[in-house]
Amino acid sequence: MSRISKEQVKHVANLARLAISEDEADLFTKQLDDIITYAEQLNELDTSDVEPTTHVLDLKNVMRKDEPKKWLEKEDVLNNAPEHQDGQFKVPSILE
């Protein structure tokens, strides 16, 4: 018994804006049914003692702490700019 119909394959292809022929629809129906059958083997496994996880590795927060630190001085940054005025970068006007 097929777990996916040819009409479902055509519907998904239409949603994906893919033009498929009748032969391709038959082929994809068979291939997707084989994939679903293979994936359903996982339902036969006993996972009652397996703890749910969100990641395959046992990772905790690996980010560094977000702490403020001294950065560049405003004057040093403005000295590298081609033009500056009143403590801000001066750029060409894009609006008239």
N, C-alpha and C. Protein backbone atom coordinates (compact mmCIF):
# COMPACT_ATOMS: atom_id res chain seq x y z
N MET A 1 0.85 -1.19 0.00
CA MET A 1 0.00 0.00 0.00
C MET A 1 0.89 1.24 0.00
N SER A 2 0.61 2.15 -0.88
CA SER A 2 1.40 3.37 -1.00
C SER A 2 1.04 4.34 0.12
N ARG A 3 2.04 4.95 0.71
CA ARG A 3 1.82 5.91 1.80
C ARG A 3 1.64 7.33 1.27
N ILE A 4 1.95 7.50 -0.01
CA ILE A 4 1.78 8.81 -0.64
C ILE A 4 1.18 8.59 -2.02
N SER A 5 0.25 9.42 -2.38
CA SER A 5 -0.43 9.23 -3.67
C SER A 5 0.21 10.10 -4.75
N LYS A 6 -0.09 9.72 -5.97
CA LYS A 6 0.41 10.47 -7.12
C LYS A 6 -0.16 11.89 -7.11
N GLU A 7 -1.40 12.03 -6.65
CA GLU A 7 -2.03 13.35 -6.57
C GLU A 7 -1.32 14.23 -5.54
N GLN A 8 -0.89 13.63 -4.43
CA GLN A 8 -0.15 14.40 -3.43
C GLN A 8 1.19 14.88 -3.98
N VAL A 9 1.86 14.02 -4.73
CA VAL A 9 3.13 14.40 -5.35
C VAL A 9 2.91 15.55 -6.32
N LYS A 10 1.86 15.46 -7.14
CA LYS A 10 1.57 16.54 -8.09
C LYS A 10 1.22 17.83 -7.36
N HIS A 11 0.50 17.71 -6.24
CA HIS A 11 0.11 18.89 -5.47
C HIS A 11 1.35 19.58 -4.90
N VAL A 12 2.26 18.81 -4.33
CA VAL A 12 3.49 19.39 -3.77
C VAL A 12 4.34 20.00 -4.88
N ALA A 13 4.41 19.34 -6.01
CA ALA A 13 5.16 19.89 -7.15
C ALA A 13 4.55 21.21 -7.59
N ASN A 14 3.23 21.28 -7.61
CA ASN A 14 2.55 22.53 -7.98
C ASN A 14 2.86 23.63 -6.96
N LEU A 15 2.83 23.29 -5.68
CA LEU A 15 3.14 24.29 -4.66
C LEU A 15 4.57 24.80 -4.79
N ALA A 16 5.47 23.91 -5.21
CA ALA A 16 6.87 24.29 -5.40
C ALA A 16 7.12 24.90 -6.77
N ARG A 17 6.05 25.05 -7.55
CA ARG A 17 6.12 25.60 -8.90
C ARG A 17 7.06 24.78 -9.79
N LEU A 18 6.94 23.45 -9.66
CA LEU A 18 7.72 22.53 -10.47
C LEU A 18 6.80 21.87 -11.48
N ALA A 19 7.20 21.86 -12.72
CA ALA A 19 6.43 21.18 -13.76
C ALA A 19 6.98 19.76 -13.88
N ILE A 20 6.14 18.76 -13.56
CA ILE A 20 6.59 17.39 -13.67
C ILE A 20 5.65 16.63 -14.61
N SER A 21 6.24 15.68 -15.32
CA SER A 21 5.46 14.86 -16.25
C SER A 21 4.80 13.71 -15.48
N GLU A 22 3.94 12.98 -16.19
CA GLU A 22 3.28 11.82 -15.57
C GLU A 22 4.30 10.76 -15.16
N ASP A 23 5.31 10.55 -16.02
CA ASP A 23 6.35 9.57 -15.70
C ASP A 23 7.13 9.99 -14.46
N GLU A 24 7.45 11.29 -14.37
CA GLU A 24 8.16 11.79 -13.19
C GLU A 24 7.29 11.66 -11.94
N ALA A 25 6.00 11.94 -12.08
CA ALA A 25 5.10 11.81 -10.94
C ALA A 25 5.07 10.37 -10.44
N ASP A 26 5.03 9.42 -11.36
CA ASP A 26 5.07 8.00 -10.97
C ASP A 26 6.39 7.66 -10.27
N LEU A 27 7.49 8.13 -10.85
CA LEU A 27 8.81 7.86 -10.28
C LEU A 27 8.94 8.47 -8.88
N PHE A 28 8.54 9.73 -8.74
CA PHE A 28 8.67 10.41 -7.45
C PHE A 28 7.75 9.78 -6.41
N THR A 29 6.57 9.32 -6.84
CA THR A 29 5.65 8.66 -5.91
C THR A 29 6.30 7.40 -5.36
N LYS A 30 6.92 6.61 -6.23
CA LYS A 30 7.60 5.39 -5.79
C LYS A 30 8.77 5.72 -4.89
N GLN A 31 9.60 6.70 -5.27
CA GLN A 31 10.77 7.06 -4.47
C GLN A 31 10.37 7.59 -3.11
N LEU A 32 9.37 8.48 -3.06
CA LEU A 32 8.93 9.03 -1.77
C LEU A 32 8.30 7.96 -0.89
N ASP A 33 7.58 7.02 -1.49
CA ASP A 33 7.01 5.92 -0.72
C ASP A 33 8.12 5.07 -0.11
N ASP A 34 9.19 4.82 -0.87
CA ASP A 34 10.33 4.06 -0.35
C ASP A 34 10.99 4.80 0.81
N ILE A 35 11.13 6.11 0.69
CA ILE A 35 11.73 6.92 1.75
C ILE A 35 10.88 6.87 3.00
N ILE A 36 9.57 7.03 2.84
CA ILE A 36 8.66 7.00 4.00
C ILE A 36 8.70 5.63 4.66
N THR A 37 8.70 4.57 3.86
CA THR A 37 8.77 3.21 4.40
C THR A 37 10.05 3.02 5.22
N TYR A 38 11.15 3.50 4.69
CA TYR A 38 12.44 3.38 5.40
C TYR A 38 12.41 4.18 6.70
N ALA A 39 11.86 5.40 6.66
CA ALA A 39 11.82 6.24 7.86
C ALA A 39 10.89 5.67 8.91
N GLU A 40 9.85 4.95 8.49
CA GLU A 40 8.92 4.37 9.45
C GLU A 40 9.55 3.25 10.27
N GLN A 41 10.69 2.76 9.85
CA GLN A 41 11.40 1.76 10.65
C GLN A 41 11.80 2.33 12.00
N LEU A 42 11.97 3.64 12.08
CA LEU A 42 12.33 4.27 13.35
C LEU A 42 11.23 4.09 14.39
N ASN A 43 9.98 3.95 13.95
CA ASN A 43 8.87 3.74 14.89
C ASN A 43 8.97 2.41 15.61
N GLU A 44 9.75 1.47 15.07
CA GLU A 44 9.90 0.17 15.68
C GLU A 44 10.92 0.16 16.80
N LEU A 45 11.72 1.20 16.92
CA LEU A 45 12.75 1.27 17.95
C LEU A 45 12.14 1.61 19.30
N ASP A 46 12.71 1.01 20.35
CA ASP A 46 12.29 1.33 21.71
C ASP A 46 13.09 2.54 22.18
N THR A 47 12.43 3.67 22.29
CA THR A 47 13.11 4.90 22.72
C THR A 47 12.63 5.36 24.09
N SER A 48 12.05 4.44 24.86
CA SER A 48 11.50 4.81 26.17
C SER A 48 12.58 5.27 27.14
N ASP A 49 13.81 4.76 27.00
CA ASP A 49 14.89 5.15 27.91
C ASP A 49 15.78 6.24 27.33
N VAL A 50 15.40 6.81 26.20
CA VAL A 50 16.21 7.84 25.56
C VAL A 50 15.68 9.21 25.98
N GLU A 51 16.57 10.00 26.55
CA GLU A 51 16.17 11.33 27.00
C GLU A 51 16.05 12.28 25.80
N PRO A 52 14.97 13.04 25.73
CA PRO A 52 14.83 13.99 24.61
C PRO A 52 15.96 15.02 24.62
N THR A 53 16.44 15.36 23.44
CA THR A 53 17.51 16.35 23.32
C THR A 53 17.15 17.37 22.25
N THR A 54 17.83 18.50 22.31
CA THR A 54 17.65 19.51 21.28
C THR A 54 18.86 19.56 20.36
N HIS A 55 19.91 18.82 20.73
CA HIS A 55 21.14 18.82 19.95
C HIS A 55 21.82 17.47 20.13
N VAL A 56 22.52 17.01 19.13
CA VAL A 56 23.18 15.71 19.23
C VAL A 56 24.36 15.73 20.19
N LEU A 57 24.97 16.88 20.37
CA LEU A 57 26.09 17.00 21.30
C LEU A 57 25.60 17.60 22.61
N ASP A 58 26.25 17.24 23.69
CA ASP A 58 25.86 17.75 25.00
C ASP A 58 26.50 19.12 25.22
N LEU A 59 25.95 20.13 24.54
CA LEU A 59 26.50 21.47 24.63
C LEU A 59 25.65 22.34 25.54
N LYS A 60 26.31 23.13 26.30
CA LYS A 60 25.63 24.13 27.10
C LYS A 60 25.89 25.47 26.41
N ASN A 61 25.56 26.56 27.07
CA ASN A 61 25.79 27.87 26.48
C ASN A 61 27.30 28.04 26.24
N VAL A 62 27.70 28.11 24.99
CA VAL A 62 29.11 28.22 24.65
C VAL A 62 29.50 29.66 24.32
N MET A 63 28.59 30.58 24.53
CA MET A 63 28.88 31.98 24.26
C MET A 63 29.61 32.61 25.44
N ARG A 64 30.42 33.57 25.14
CA ARG A 64 31.10 34.29 26.23
C ARG A 64 30.11 35.22 26.90
N LYS A 65 30.44 35.64 28.09
CA LYS A 65 29.59 36.60 28.79
C LYS A 65 29.62 37.93 28.05
N ASP A 66 28.49 38.56 27.98
CA ASP A 66 28.39 39.85 27.32
C ASP A 66 28.71 40.92 28.35
N GLU A 67 29.94 41.36 28.34
CA GLU A 67 30.38 42.36 29.31
C GLU A 67 30.89 43.59 28.56
N PRO A 68 30.52 44.76 29.03
CA PRO A 68 31.02 45.98 28.38
C PRO A 68 32.53 46.11 28.57
N LYS A 69 33.19 46.63 27.55
CA LYS A 69 34.63 46.85 27.66
C LYS A 69 35.01 48.10 26.89
N LYS A 70 36.16 48.58 27.15
CA LYS A 70 36.66 49.78 26.50
C LYS A 70 36.84 49.52 25.01
N TRP A 71 36.39 50.43 24.20
CA TRP A 71 36.49 50.29 22.77
C TRP A 71 37.24 51.49 22.22
N LEU A 72 37.10 51.78 20.97
CA LEU A 72 37.81 52.89 20.36
C LEU A 72 37.28 54.22 20.86
N GLU A 73 38.16 55.17 20.97
CA GLU A 73 37.75 56.52 21.35
C GLU A 73 37.12 57.22 20.14
N LYS A 74 36.13 58.02 20.40
CA LYS A 74 35.41 58.71 19.33
C LYS A 74 36.35 59.55 18.47
N GLU A 75 37.27 60.22 19.09
CA GLU A 75 38.20 61.09 18.35
C GLU A 75 39.09 60.28 17.41
N ASP A 76 39.54 59.10 17.88
CA ASP A 76 40.39 58.25 17.04
C ASP A 76 39.64 57.78 15.80
N VAL A 77 38.38 57.44 15.99
CA VAL A 77 37.58 56.97 14.87
C VAL A 77 37.33 58.12 13.89
N LEU A 78 36.97 59.27 14.39
CA LEU A 78 36.71 60.40 13.52
C LEU A 78 37.96 60.87 12.78
N ASN A 79 39.12 60.68 13.36
CA ASN A 79 40.37 61.07 12.69
C ASN A 79 40.64 60.20 11.46
N ASN A 80 40.06 58.99 11.42
CA ASN A 80 40.23 58.12 10.27
C ASN A 80 39.22 58.41 9.16
N ALA A 81 38.22 59.21 9.44
CA ALA A 81 37.19 59.51 8.45
C ALA A 81 37.70 60.59 7.50
N PRO A 82 37.29 60.52 6.21
CA PRO A 82 37.70 61.55 5.26
C PRO A 82 37.22 62.94 5.69
N GLU A 83 35.97 63.00 6.20
CA GLU A 83 35.44 64.28 6.68
C GLU A 83 34.59 64.03 7.91
N HIS A 84 34.65 64.96 8.84
CA HIS A 84 33.78 64.89 10.01
C HIS A 84 33.46 66.31 10.46
N GLN A 85 32.31 66.42 11.15
CA GLN A 85 31.86 67.73 11.59
C GLN A 85 31.00 67.54 12.83
N ASP A 86 31.23 68.34 13.83
CA ASP A 86 30.45 68.32 15.08
C ASP A 86 30.38 66.92 15.70
N GLY A 87 31.50 66.16 15.63
CA GLY A 87 31.55 64.85 16.26
C GLY A 87 30.84 63.76 15.50
N GLN A 88 30.54 63.98 14.21
CA GLN A 88 29.86 62.97 13.40
C GLN A 88 30.54 62.86 12.05
N PHE A 89 30.34 61.69 11.40
CA PHE A 89 30.86 61.52 10.05
C PHE A 89 30.11 62.44 9.11
N LYS A 90 30.83 63.05 8.18
CA LYS A 90 30.20 63.91 7.18
C LYS A 90 30.24 63.15 5.86
N VAL A 91 29.05 62.93 5.29
CA VAL A 91 28.95 62.18 4.04
C VAL A 91 28.21 63.04 3.02
N PRO A 92 28.36 62.71 1.74
CA PRO A 92 27.64 63.46 0.72
C PRO A 92 26.13 63.29 0.87
N SER A 93 25.41 64.35 0.59
CA SER A 93 23.95 64.30 0.68
C SER A 93 23.40 63.45 -0.46
N ILE A 94 22.40 62.63 -0.13
CA ILE A 94 21.79 61.81 -1.18
C ILE A 94 20.41 62.35 -1.55
N LEU A 95 19.88 63.25 -0.75
CA LEU A 95 18.59 63.87 -1.02
C LEU A 95 18.79 65.33 -1.37
N GLU A 96 17.98 65.80 -2.29
CA GLU A 96 18.11 67.22 -2.65
C GLU A 96 16.94 68.01 -2.10
